[in-house]
Amino acid sequence: MVASFARRRGALLLALLCLAAPVAAQGNAWQSQIEKRAAEILPRVVAWRRDFHEHPELGNREVRTARLVADHLRALGLEVRTDVAHTGVIGVLRGGRPGKVVALRADMDALPVTELVDLPFASKARAEYNGQQVGVMHACGHDNHVAILMGVAEVLAGMKQQLPGIVLFLFQPAEEGAPNGEEGGAALMLKEGAFASPKPDAVFGLHVITLPVGHIGYRAGGAMASSDEIRIVVRGRQSHAAMPWGGVDPIVAASQIVLGLQTIVSRQSNLTKAPAVVTIGVINGGVRFNIIPDSVVLVGTVRTLDAGMQKDVHARIVRTAESIAAASGATAEVQAIYNYPVTVNDAELTRWALPTLERAAGKGKAYEVPPLMGAEDFSYFAQQVPGLYLFLGIVPEGKDPAGVPTNHSPLFFADEAALPVGVRALAGLAVDYLMRK
């Protein structure tokens, strides 16, 4: 009996090994193709990145960028849809066999920042932003994102007949926010049917940040914070500054509110669950040294990494502001503008992706990183389907990531050695996901 069982078990193991061998061989073949094609197109990816860097465009105004992207996708034989959310481009690559649908996203917009980096392809562009003439720069690295995804499109288009399923390429405008009075970004792309047909089963994206060049950071769960704006109007009663008892001083009340708001994070929020930030960045009130004004306006931001905490913090802001104002005879009106939700990486998708990420970056160069309190509207895509948003390092070798200018700085610099890693990572995730059983 034992011998018979052992023989059957041995036969079963042999059969499984025989079945696994072609799958492993096929996986290795996919990997080799991606690496070979990514290396071949690297000069083009670098050229695209430099071109976009030299010719940046602000949100909802990415006309030239979108045209170059659309022309490239059409030349690859993809189905192309333009003018999505003003200037967005969607490309659809249909594989030679049926299967799942995977979406890959890159953001295209630049920032109203005057570049101070000494590069032969540095931006000298200027544009109008909310009524002001400003310099324009890819100070957040979106030029890298667009060039990487264009490279991924070319890599995967060359493997089209072997691919099971569909790859959806999303080139998104206005991630940094639309101009005043306009809609834009991921939310508008979804509103205009970006995920309508075909609807993806998963979505992937990446962002260049100040990690060592070519390293990949990931984090399951809340990876980037929500971004909300708060506006608090404190109303008192105007009087002579020499006789404050004749009115109600909104400046003193507003000052107490600013201090009180800090206790929401430091004393009222469970920071073992997730970090949070409440910051007042603007205080406006008064016109003359000897007049107590009628009102003061406070404007700030709220950042959280948990949706439940986000609601709780906002409720506490209202209670704190209104109560402190009432204590001095003033009133406080709180308005909250919810911008981007928390960027949540699907936990199971993140675990699944780890071998692909290490293969793209190299052993020991893909690892978990702390959450970022910056925000990303990739979060809207990840609310619709399981998503994974990654961080790609661009700090040159030999430099301390803690000491280099960060994203949004006029001195922000991205080492192009990160580009092939980004192409391998997104292409590998797309292929591995489509091949996933």
Protein backbone atom coordinates (compact mmCIF):
# COMPACT_ATOMS: atom_id res chain seq x y z
CA MET A 1 0.00 0.00 0.00
CA VAL A 2 2.76 2.44 1.04
CA ALA A 3 4.83 1.58 -2.01
CA SER A 4 1.81 1.99 -4.28
CA PHE A 5 1.01 5.38 -2.74
CA ALA A 6 4.62 6.47 -3.14
CA ARG A 7 4.61 5.47 -6.80
CA ARG A 8 1.37 7.40 -7.42
CA ARG A 9 2.72 10.45 -5.59
CA GLY A 10 5.92 10.29 -7.61
CA ALA A 11 3.97 10.05 -10.83
CA LEU A 12 1.82 13.03 -9.80
CA LEU A 13 4.85 15.15 -8.93
CA LEU A 14 6.46 14.28 -12.25
CA ALA A 15 3.29 15.26 -14.09
CA LEU A 16 3.12 18.59 -12.25
CA LEU A 17 6.75 19.29 -13.03
CA CYS A 18 6.13 18.54 -16.69
CA LEU A 19 3.20 20.94 -16.68
CA ALA A 20 5.13 23.62 -14.80
CA ALA A 21 8.18 23.47 -17.04
CA PRO A 22 6.49 25.00 -20.12
CA VAL A 23 4.90 27.71 -17.94
CA ALA A 24 8.27 28.61 -16.40
CA ALA A 25 9.92 28.50 -19.80
CA GLN A 26 7.20 30.75 -21.19
CA GLY A 27 7.67 33.18 -18.27
CA ASN A 28 11.41 33.30 -18.92
CA ALA A 29 10.73 33.89 -22.61
CA TRP A 30 8.41 36.83 -21.80
CA GLN A 31 11.02 38.27 -19.47
CA SER A 32 13.75 37.98 -22.08
CA GLN A 33 11.60 39.64 -24.71
CA ILE A 34 10.72 42.56 -22.43
CA GLU A 35 14.35 43.10 -21.43
CA LYS A 36 15.56 42.89 -25.03
CA ARG A 37 12.91 45.23 -26.42
CA ALA A 38 13.30 47.71 -23.52
CA ALA A 39 17.05 47.90 -24.18
CA GLU A 40 16.50 48.40 -27.91
CA ILE A 41 14.12 51.34 -27.51
CA LEU A 42 15.97 53.05 -24.62
CA PRO A 43 17.52 55.75 -26.87
CA ARG A 44 14.02 56.69 -28.06
CA VAL A 45 12.68 56.78 -24.49
CA VAL A 46 15.51 59.10 -23.48
CA ALA A 47 14.87 61.32 -26.51
CA TRP A 48 11.14 61.51 -25.72
CA ARG A 49 11.83 62.37 -22.12
CA ARG A 50 14.21 65.18 -23.05
CA ASP A 51 11.79 66.56 -25.61
CA PHE A 52 8.91 66.62 -23.12
CA HIS A 53 11.17 68.15 -20.48
CA GLU A 54 12.19 70.96 -22.83
CA HIS A 55 8.58 71.60 -23.89
CA PRO A 56 6.44 71.25 -20.73
CA GLU A 57 2.75 72.13 -20.68
CA LEU A 58 0.41 72.93 -17.80
CA GLY A 59 -2.69 70.93 -16.85
CA ASN A 60 -5.50 70.80 -19.41
CA ARG A 61 -3.12 72.47 -21.88
CA GLU A 62 -0.96 69.45 -22.83
CA VAL A 63 -1.77 69.86 -26.54
CA ARG A 64 1.68 69.19 -28.00
CA THR A 65 2.41 66.36 -25.58
CA ALA A 66 -0.91 64.68 -26.34
CA ARG A 67 -0.37 64.98 -30.10
CA LEU A 68 3.05 63.29 -29.92
CA VAL A 69 1.66 60.53 -27.71
CA ALA A 70 -1.34 59.90 -29.98
CA ASP A 71 0.83 59.85 -33.13
CA HIS A 72 3.14 57.31 -31.51
CA LEU A 73 0.29 55.02 -30.42
CA ARG A 74 -1.31 55.16 -33.87
CA ALA A 75 2.01 54.29 -35.50
CA LEU A 76 2.11 51.19 -33.28
CA GLY A 77 -1.31 50.12 -34.55
CA LEU A 78 -3.25 50.84 -31.36
CA GLU A 79 -6.82 52.07 -31.22
CA VAL A 80 -6.52 55.69 -30.08
CA ARG A 81 -8.99 58.04 -28.46
CA THR A 82 -8.03 61.70 -27.95
CA ASP A 83 -9.45 64.78 -26.23
CA VAL A 84 -10.47 62.80 -23.14
CA ALA A 85 -10.75 65.19 -20.18
CA HIS A 86 -9.58 68.00 -22.48
CA THR A 87 -6.21 66.63 -23.65
CA GLY A 88 -6.05 63.04 -22.42
CA VAL A 89 -5.12 60.16 -24.72
CA ILE A 90 -6.25 56.54 -24.40
CA GLY A 91 -4.65 53.74 -26.39
CA VAL A 92 -6.01 50.21 -26.63
CA LEU A 93 -3.73 47.31 -27.51
CA ARG A 94 -5.68 44.13 -28.22
CA GLY A 95 -3.63 40.97 -27.89
CA GLY A 96 -3.78 38.03 -30.24
CA ARG A 97 -5.67 35.91 -27.71
CA PRO A 98 -8.61 36.63 -25.37
CA GLY A 99 -7.89 37.40 -21.74
CA LYS A 100 -8.03 40.03 -19.02
CA VAL A 101 -7.71 43.78 -19.32
CA VAL A 102 -4.92 45.72 -17.62
CA ALA A 103 -4.54 49.52 -17.53
CA LEU A 104 -1.28 51.46 -17.33
CA ARG A 105 -1.31 55.18 -16.53
CA ALA A 106 1.06 58.13 -16.96
CA ASP A 107 0.36 61.79 -16.16
CA MET A 108 1.44 64.45 -18.66
CA ASP A 109 1.23 67.89 -17.01
CA ALA A 110 3.99 70.15 -15.74
CA LEU A 111 4.04 72.76 -12.97
CA PRO A 112 4.15 76.58 -12.83
CA VAL A 113 7.82 76.50 -11.78
CA THR A 114 10.79 78.27 -13.39
CA GLU A 115 13.55 75.71 -13.97
CA LEU A 116 16.96 76.33 -12.37
CA VAL A 117 18.66 73.07 -13.42
CA ASP A 118 21.57 73.52 -15.83
CA LEU A 119 20.65 71.10 -18.62
CA PRO A 120 21.01 71.37 -22.41
CA PHE A 121 17.30 70.52 -22.61
CA ALA A 122 16.18 72.69 -19.67
CA SER A 123 12.77 74.30 -19.99
CA LYS A 124 12.52 77.93 -21.00
CA ALA A 125 8.76 77.70 -21.46
CA ARG A 126 6.35 80.25 -20.06
CA ALA A 127 2.58 80.23 -19.89
CA GLU A 128 -0.39 81.84 -18.21
CA TYR A 129 -1.52 80.20 -14.98
CA ASN A 130 -4.60 81.52 -13.15
CA GLY A 131 -4.08 84.97 -14.68
CA GLN A 132 -0.31 85.17 -14.11
CA GLN A 133 2.66 84.69 -16.44
CA VAL A 134 4.79 81.87 -15.02
CA GLY A 135 7.70 79.65 -15.92
CA VAL A 136 6.77 76.05 -16.69
CA MET A 137 8.82 72.99 -15.70
CA HIS A 138 8.43 69.25 -15.31
CA ALA A 139 9.36 69.73 -11.67
CA CYS A 140 7.47 66.58 -10.64
CA GLY A 141 8.97 64.29 -13.27
CA HIS A 142 5.89 63.61 -15.38
CA ASP A 143 8.08 63.84 -18.49
CA ASN A 144 9.67 60.59 -17.31
CA HIS A 145 6.26 58.98 -16.80
CA VAL A 146 5.09 59.78 -20.34
CA ALA A 147 8.33 58.62 -21.98
CA ILE A 148 8.30 55.38 -19.96
CA LEU A 149 4.72 54.54 -20.90
CA MET A 150 5.36 55.34 -24.57
CA GLY A 151 8.25 52.88 -24.36
CA VAL A 152 6.04 50.26 -22.71
CA ALA A 153 3.50 50.68 -25.51
CA GLU A 154 6.20 50.00 -28.10
CA VAL A 155 7.54 46.98 -26.20
CA LEU A 156 4.11 45.39 -25.84
CA ALA A 157 2.96 46.27 -29.37
CA GLY A 158 5.89 44.19 -30.63
CA MET A 159 4.52 41.23 -28.65
CA LYS A 160 0.90 41.81 -29.60
CA GLN A 161 0.10 38.46 -31.19
CA GLN A 162 1.40 36.55 -28.16
CA LEU A 163 -0.48 38.63 -25.59
CA PRO A 164 -3.63 37.19 -24.01
CA GLY A 165 -5.99 40.07 -23.36
CA ILE A 166 -5.98 43.87 -23.64
CA VAL A 167 -3.68 46.62 -22.44
CA LEU A 168 -5.22 50.04 -21.86
CA PHE A 169 -2.77 52.97 -21.96
CA LEU A 170 -3.95 56.06 -20.09
CA PHE A 171 -2.09 59.32 -20.72
CA GLN A 172 -3.71 61.67 -18.25
CA PRO A 173 -3.77 65.47 -18.11
CA ALA A 174 -3.96 67.75 -15.07
CA GLU A 175 -2.79 65.44 -12.30
CA GLU A 176 -1.47 68.51 -10.49
CA GLY A 177 -4.95 70.02 -10.63
CA ALA A 178 -6.98 71.80 -13.27
CA PRO A 179 -6.91 75.59 -13.69
CA ASN A 180 -9.42 77.55 -11.63
CA GLY A 181 -12.95 77.00 -12.87
CA GLU A 182 -12.15 73.84 -14.86
CA GLU A 183 -12.55 70.14 -14.28
CA GLY A 184 -9.69 67.81 -15.09
CA GLY A 185 -7.50 64.85 -14.25
CA ALA A 186 -8.34 61.25 -13.46
CA ALA A 187 -11.82 61.99 -12.17
CA LEU A 188 -12.82 63.66 -15.44
CA MET A 189 -11.24 60.88 -17.51
CA LEU A 190 -13.40 58.36 -15.64
CA LYS A 191 -16.45 60.61 -16.02
CA GLU A 192 -15.82 60.62 -19.78
CA GLY A 193 -15.61 56.83 -19.98
CA ALA A 194 -11.95 55.94 -19.59
CA PHE A 195 -12.88 52.66 -17.87
CA ALA A 196 -16.19 52.15 -19.68
CA SER A 197 -15.10 49.89 -22.52
CA PRO A 198 -12.99 47.96 -22.02
CA LYS A 199 -13.06 48.07 -18.22
CA PRO A 200 -9.73 46.97 -16.75
CA ASP A 201 -9.33 44.26 -14.15
CA ALA A 202 -6.36 46.11 -12.59
CA VAL A 203 -4.49 49.38 -13.01
CA PHE A 204 -0.79 50.15 -12.51
CA GLY A 205 1.20 53.37 -12.43
CA LEU A 206 4.44 54.79 -11.11
CA HIS A 207 5.96 58.07 -9.95
CA VAL A 208 9.58 59.16 -9.90
CA ILE A 209 10.76 60.26 -6.45
CA THR A 210 14.00 60.78 -4.53
CA LEU A 211 14.96 57.14 -4.01
CA PRO A 212 18.30 55.79 -5.31
CA VAL A 213 18.23 55.58 -9.09
CA GLY A 214 16.52 52.47 -10.44
CA HIS A 215 15.16 51.36 -7.07
CA ILE A 216 11.43 50.64 -6.78
CA GLY A 217 9.42 51.46 -3.67
CA TYR A 218 6.02 49.98 -2.92
CA ARG A 219 3.51 50.00 -0.09
CA ALA A 220 0.28 48.04 0.37
CA GLY A 221 -2.74 49.97 1.63
CA GLY A 222 -2.58 53.74 2.01
CA ALA A 223 0.49 54.72 -0.02
CA MET A 224 -0.23 58.42 -0.62
CA ALA A 225 -2.43 60.76 1.35
CA SER A 226 -5.77 62.31 0.62
CA SER A 227 -5.53 66.01 -0.18
CA ASP A 228 -8.26 68.30 1.10
CA GLU A 229 -8.46 72.07 1.38
CA ILE A 230 -10.05 73.82 4.33
CA ARG A 231 -11.22 77.42 4.40
CA ILE A 232 -12.26 78.96 7.73
CA VAL A 233 -13.83 82.41 7.93
CA VAL A 234 -13.71 83.84 11.46
CA ARG A 235 -16.13 86.74 11.95
CA GLY A 236 -15.89 89.23 14.81
CA ARG A 237 -16.93 92.85 15.17
CA GLN A 238 -14.75 95.68 13.94
CA SER A 239 -13.50 98.25 16.45
CA HIS A 240 -10.64 100.61 17.21
CA ALA A 241 -7.46 98.71 18.07
CA ALA A 242 -7.00 100.93 21.11
CA MET A 243 -10.37 99.80 22.49
CA PRO A 244 -10.66 96.06 21.75
CA TRP A 245 -13.42 95.68 24.32
CA GLY A 246 -15.65 97.65 21.98
CA GLY A 247 -15.70 94.80 19.43
CA VAL A 248 -14.82 91.15 18.94
CA ASP A 249 -11.29 90.49 17.73
CA PRO A 250 -11.29 87.81 14.96
CA ILE A 251 -7.47 87.90 14.74
CA VAL A 252 -7.05 86.60 18.29
CA ALA A 253 -9.80 84.03 17.76
CA ALA A 254 -8.20 82.90 14.48
CA SER A 255 -4.81 82.58 16.18
CA GLN A 256 -6.32 80.37 18.88
CA ILE A 257 -8.02 78.29 16.19
CA VAL A 258 -4.69 77.71 14.41
CA LEU A 259 -3.18 76.42 17.65
CA GLY A 260 -6.27 74.39 18.52
CA LEU A 261 -6.24 72.65 15.15
CA GLN A 262 -2.78 71.24 15.92
CA THR A 263 -4.20 69.24 18.84
CA ILE A 264 -6.43 67.30 16.45
CA VAL A 265 -3.38 65.42 15.19
CA SER A 266 -1.21 65.55 18.29
CA ARG A 267 -3.87 64.70 20.89
CA GLN A 268 -7.08 63.47 19.26
CA SER A 269 -6.08 61.18 16.36
CA ASN A 270 -4.88 57.61 16.72
CA LEU A 271 -1.53 57.98 14.96
CA THR A 272 -0.71 54.30 15.49
CA LYS A 273 -3.32 53.64 12.80
CA ALA A 274 -2.06 56.15 10.22
CA PRO A 275 -0.39 59.56 10.17
CA ALA A 276 -2.29 62.77 9.50
CA VAL A 277 -1.43 66.43 8.90
CA VAL A 278 -3.44 69.62 9.41
CA THR A 279 -1.64 72.72 8.14
CA ILE A 280 -2.79 76.32 7.85
CA GLY A 281 -0.85 77.94 5.02
CA VAL A 282 -2.69 81.26 4.61
CA ILE A 283 -3.95 83.87 7.10
CA ASN A 284 -5.61 87.00 5.71
CA GLY A 285 -7.19 89.71 7.83
CA GLY A 286 -7.03 93.41 8.52
CA VAL A 287 -5.98 96.47 6.51
CA ARG A 288 -4.53 98.89 9.07
CA PHE A 289 -2.43 98.71 12.25
CA ASN A 290 -4.99 100.42 14.46
CA ILE A 291 -8.20 98.75 13.27
CA ILE A 292 -9.50 95.40 14.52
CA PRO A 293 -11.13 93.90 11.40
CA ASP A 294 -14.50 92.28 10.99
CA SER A 295 -13.12 88.97 9.72
CA VAL A 296 -10.07 86.78 9.18
CA VAL A 297 -9.70 84.00 6.59
CA LEU A 298 -7.63 80.86 7.23
CA VAL A 299 -6.79 78.47 4.39
CA GLY A 300 -5.00 75.16 4.80
CA THR A 301 -4.70 71.52 3.89
CA VAL A 302 -5.64 68.22 5.52
CA ARG A 303 -3.71 65.04 4.68
CA THR A 304 -4.73 61.57 5.86
CA LEU A 305 -3.94 57.98 4.86
CA ASP A 306 -7.20 56.40 6.00
CA ALA A 307 -10.69 57.23 4.72
CA GLY A 308 -12.27 56.87 8.17
CA MET A 309 -9.66 59.12 9.74
CA GLN A 310 -10.23 61.64 6.95
CA LYS A 311 -13.90 62.03 7.93
CA ASP A 312 -13.06 62.14 11.65
CA VAL A 313 -10.39 64.84 11.25
CA HIS A 314 -12.74 67.04 9.24
CA ALA A 315 -15.48 66.71 11.87
CA ARG A 316 -12.99 67.72 14.58
CA ILE A 317 -11.84 70.73 12.57
CA VAL A 318 -15.41 72.03 12.43
CA ARG A 319 -15.98 71.43 16.15
CA THR A 320 -12.65 73.00 17.15
CA ALA A 321 -13.03 76.12 15.00
CA GLU A 322 -16.64 76.79 15.95
CA SER A 323 -16.10 76.20 19.67
CA ILE A 324 -12.97 78.36 19.97
CA ALA A 325 -14.61 81.18 18.02
CA ALA A 326 -17.74 81.01 20.17
CA ALA A 327 -15.66 81.23 23.36
CA SER A 328 -14.54 84.74 22.35
CA GLY A 329 -17.89 85.87 20.96
CA ALA A 330 -16.90 85.33 17.34
CA THR A 331 -18.19 82.82 14.78
CA ALA A 332 -16.36 80.43 12.48
CA GLU A 333 -17.60 79.07 9.18
CA VAL A 334 -15.69 76.02 7.91
CA GLN A 335 -15.69 74.94 4.28
CA ALA A 336 -13.96 71.72 3.21
CA ILE A 337 -12.96 71.02 -0.40
CA TYR A 338 -12.23 67.35 -0.92
CA ASN A 339 -9.60 67.09 -3.64
CA TYR A 340 -7.91 63.69 -3.97
CA PRO A 341 -8.82 60.60 -1.92
CA VAL A 342 -6.23 58.33 -0.32
CA THR A 343 -4.18 56.39 -2.89
CA VAL A 344 -4.77 52.82 -1.74
CA ASN A 345 -2.69 49.98 -3.16
CA ASP A 346 -4.56 46.69 -3.25
CA ALA A 347 -2.83 44.42 -0.71
CA GLU A 348 -3.18 41.18 -2.67
CA LEU A 349 -2.10 42.83 -5.93
CA THR A 350 0.93 44.33 -4.19
CA ARG A 351 2.03 40.92 -2.82
CA TRP A 352 1.54 39.32 -6.21
CA ALA A 353 3.64 42.00 -7.95
CA LEU A 354 6.78 41.65 -5.81
CA PRO A 355 8.62 39.10 -7.99
CA THR A 356 7.96 41.21 -11.09
CA LEU A 357 9.26 44.35 -9.37
CA GLU A 358 12.44 42.68 -8.15
CA ARG A 359 13.04 41.27 -11.61
CA ALA A 360 12.73 44.76 -13.11
CA ALA A 361 14.88 46.58 -10.54
CA GLY A 362 17.32 43.85 -9.53
CA LYS A 363 17.70 41.81 -6.37
CA GLY A 364 17.32 43.89 -3.22
CA LYS A 365 16.28 47.01 -5.11
CA ALA A 366 12.51 46.64 -4.71
CA TYR A 367 11.33 47.21 -1.16
CA GLU A 368 8.59 48.62 1.04
CA VAL A 369 8.73 52.37 1.70
CA PRO A 370 6.90 54.61 4.20
CA PRO A 371 3.70 56.30 3.04
CA LEU A 372 3.93 59.72 1.41
CA MET A 373 1.82 62.63 2.62
CA GLY A 374 1.74 64.00 -0.92
CA ALA A 375 -1.38 63.18 -2.95
CA GLU A 376 -2.08 61.61 -6.34
CA ASP A 377 -5.26 61.41 -8.37
CA PHE A 378 -4.32 57.89 -9.48
CA SER A 379 -6.42 57.26 -6.38
CA TYR A 380 -9.58 57.69 -8.46
CA PHE A 381 -8.54 54.88 -10.81
CA ALA A 382 -7.67 52.65 -7.85
CA GLN A 383 -11.14 53.23 -6.40
CA GLN A 384 -12.68 51.66 -9.49
CA VAL A 385 -10.47 48.55 -9.83
CA PRO A 386 -7.58 47.03 -7.85
CA GLY A 387 -4.59 49.31 -8.27
CA LEU A 388 -0.87 49.44 -7.56
CA TYR A 389 1.07 52.71 -7.59
CA LEU A 390 4.85 52.45 -7.41
CA PHE A 391 7.75 54.80 -6.67
CA LEU A 392 10.74 54.83 -9.01
CA GLY A 393 14.05 56.21 -7.75
CA ILE A 394 15.87 58.90 -9.76
CA VAL A 395 18.67 60.08 -7.45
CA PRO A 396 22.07 59.60 -9.15
CA GLU A 397 24.51 57.10 -7.67
CA GLY A 398 26.78 58.62 -5.06
CA LYS A 399 24.24 61.24 -3.96
CA ASP A 400 22.32 61.13 -0.68
CA PRO A 401 18.56 61.01 -1.43
CA ALA A 402 17.95 62.99 1.76
CA GLY A 403 20.04 65.89 0.48
CA VAL A 404 18.81 66.39 -3.09
CA PRO A 405 15.99 68.74 -4.21
CA THR A 406 12.62 67.01 -4.08
CA ASN A 407 9.69 66.96 -6.48
CA HIS A 408 8.20 70.43 -7.14
CA SER A 409 11.57 72.13 -6.61
CA PRO A 410 13.00 74.28 -9.45
CA LEU A 411 16.18 72.22 -8.93
CA PHE A 412 14.49 68.80 -9.24
CA PHE A 413 16.64 66.46 -11.34
CA ALA A 414 15.89 62.94 -12.58
CA ASP A 415 18.66 60.53 -13.55
CA GLU A 416 17.74 58.91 -16.86
CA ALA A 417 19.22 55.59 -15.70
CA ALA A 418 15.82 55.05 -14.08
CA LEU A 419 13.99 54.99 -17.43
CA PRO A 420 14.72 51.38 -18.48
CA VAL A 421 13.73 50.16 -15.00
CA GLY A 422 10.39 51.92 -15.35
CA VAL A 423 9.79 50.40 -18.78
CA ARG A 424 10.66 46.88 -17.54
CA ALA A 425 8.48 47.29 -14.45
CA LEU A 426 5.28 48.42 -16.19
CA ALA A 427 5.71 46.09 -19.16
CA GLY A 428 6.45 43.19 -16.84
CA LEU A 429 3.43 43.91 -14.64
CA ALA A 430 1.14 44.09 -17.67
CA VAL A 431 2.38 40.83 -19.19
CA ASP A 432 2.53 38.94 -15.92
CA TYR A 433 -0.98 40.07 -15.01
CA LEU A 434 -2.40 39.01 -18.37
CA MET A 435 -0.66 35.65 -18.06
CA ARG A 436 -1.94 35.23 -14.51
CA LYS A 437 -4.22 32.26 -14.00
